Amino acid sequence: MSLDDLNEEIQASYSEFGDELSIDLDRETRNELALLETALDPEETDELVRRAIHMLFQSTVETGNLDFHLRSAYDVTYDEYLSGMTFDQMTGADQYPTMDDERRYQF
């Protein structure tokens, strides 16, 4: 997979979400959400879910977990996704043909 594949899949997921996302909550999650809603008193519960997604995203980026998964699946990092270019494209390393090791030192 590549950076282009990643961009296509992100756009597809984004369009599938739409404006609203309904999810089923297990008992533990409902209890935690109820406690957070009571303690933090947001205007609406959706705000807590948005905050949770932001916090999960931030911690995933900071720990390198996002880069690990992106590199495993798409062979890119989050920085490469943000810039729209792979490291090889940024440095120009992908513009040279690969060397044949058996013929490398033949004159």
Protein backbone atom coordinates (compact mmCIF):
# COMPACT_ATOMS: atom_id res chain seq x y z
CA MET A 1 0.00 0.00 0.00
CA SER A 2 1.07 3.59 -0.43
CA LEU A 3 0.38 7.18 0.52
CA ASP A 4 -2.24 7.39 -2.24
CA ASP A 5 -3.99 4.28 -0.89
CA LEU A 6 -4.01 5.81 2.60
CA ASN A 7 -5.53 9.06 1.31
CA GLU A 8 -8.24 7.17 -0.57
CA GLU A 9 -9.18 5.07 2.46
CA ILE A 10 -9.27 8.12 4.77
CA GLN A 11 -11.57 9.95 2.35
CA ALA A 12 -13.83 6.89 2.08
CA SER A 13 -14.05 6.53 5.87
CA TYR A 14 -14.69 10.26 6.30
CA SER A 15 -17.58 10.22 3.83
CA GLU A 16 -19.08 7.09 5.45
CA PHE A 17 -19.23 8.78 8.86
CA GLY A 18 -21.47 11.62 7.72
CA ASP A 19 -22.44 14.17 10.37
CA GLU A 20 -23.64 11.67 12.96
CA LEU A 21 -22.18 8.42 14.17
CA SER A 22 -24.26 6.02 16.23
CA ILE A 23 -22.43 3.46 18.33
CA ASP A 24 -23.42 0.76 20.79
CA LEU A 25 -21.86 1.10 24.23
CA ASP A 26 -21.05 -1.76 26.56
CA ARG A 27 -21.83 -1.53 30.27
CA GLU A 28 -18.33 -0.41 31.30
CA THR A 29 -18.24 2.34 28.68
CA ARG A 30 -21.72 3.58 29.65
CA ASN A 31 -20.66 3.75 33.33
CA GLU A 32 -17.48 5.66 32.50
CA LEU A 33 -19.34 8.03 30.20
CA ALA A 34 -22.00 8.67 32.87
CA LEU A 35 -19.32 9.45 35.45
CA LEU A 36 -17.48 11.79 33.09
CA GLU A 37 -20.70 13.54 32.11
CA THR A 38 -21.66 14.03 35.74
CA ALA A 39 -18.23 15.26 36.79
CA LEU A 40 -17.39 17.45 33.79
CA ASP A 41 -20.93 18.66 33.07
CA PRO A 42 -20.56 19.33 29.33
CA GLU A 43 -23.36 20.96 27.35
CA GLU A 44 -24.01 17.63 25.64
CA THR A 45 -22.59 14.11 25.80
CA ASP A 46 -21.28 14.37 22.24
CA GLU A 47 -18.67 16.83 23.50
CA LEU A 48 -17.14 14.14 25.73
CA VAL A 49 -16.95 11.72 22.82
CA ARG A 50 -15.23 14.37 20.67
CA ARG A 51 -12.73 15.05 23.47
CA ALA A 52 -12.08 11.33 23.88
CA ILE A 53 -11.33 10.93 20.19
CA HIS A 54 -8.95 13.92 20.29
CA MET A 55 -7.16 12.50 23.35
CA LEU A 56 -6.84 9.02 21.82
CA PHE A 57 -5.54 10.51 18.58
CA GLN A 58 -3.00 12.71 20.39
CA SER A 59 -1.68 9.89 22.56
CA THR A 60 -1.47 7.55 19.56
CA VAL A 61 0.60 10.14 17.66
CA GLU A 62 2.84 10.97 20.65
CA THR A 63 3.65 7.35 21.49
CA GLY A 64 4.51 6.49 17.88
CA ASN A 65 1.72 3.94 17.73
CA LEU A 66 0.10 5.68 14.76
CA ASP A 67 3.38 5.67 12.81
CA PHE A 68 3.84 1.97 13.60
CA HIS A 69 0.42 1.07 12.20
CA LEU A 70 0.73 3.39 9.19
CA ARG A 71 4.19 2.04 8.36
CA SER A 72 2.96 -1.56 8.71
CA ALA A 73 -0.12 -1.10 6.53
CA TYR A 74 0.80 1.70 4.11
CA ASP A 75 4.59 2.10 4.35
CA VAL A 76 4.26 5.78 5.34
CA THR A 77 4.43 7.79 8.57
CA TYR A 78 2.04 10.42 9.88
CA ASP A 79 4.52 13.17 8.92
CA GLU A 80 4.66 11.81 5.38
CA TYR A 81 0.84 11.77 5.28
CA LEU A 82 0.70 15.39 6.46
CA SER A 83 3.25 16.54 3.90
CA GLY A 84 1.71 14.49 1.09
CA MET A 85 5.11 13.07 0.21
CA THR A 86 7.11 10.07 1.31
CA PHE A 87 10.61 10.55 2.73
CA ASP A 88 12.10 9.18 -0.50
CA GLN A 89 10.10 11.71 -2.52
CA MET A 90 11.23 14.55 -0.21
CA THR A 91 14.92 13.63 -0.49
CA GLY A 92 14.85 12.68 -4.16
CA ALA A 93 15.97 9.13 -3.43
CA ASP A 94 13.20 7.65 -5.56
CA GLN A 95 14.29 9.41 -8.75
CA TYR A 96 17.36 7.23 -9.34
CA PRO A 97 17.15 3.71 -10.76
CA THR A 98 18.00 0.84 -8.43
CA MET A 99 21.49 -0.56 -8.72
CA ASP A 100 22.10 -4.15 -9.73
CA ASP A 101 24.45 -5.43 -7.00
CA GLU A 102 26.04 -8.06 -9.25
CA ARG A 103 27.00 -5.49 -11.87
CA ARG A 104 27.64 -2.54 -9.56
CA TYR A 105 31.44 -2.65 -9.74
CA GLN A 106 31.90 -3.82 -13.33
CA PHE A 107 33.50 -1.37 -15.71
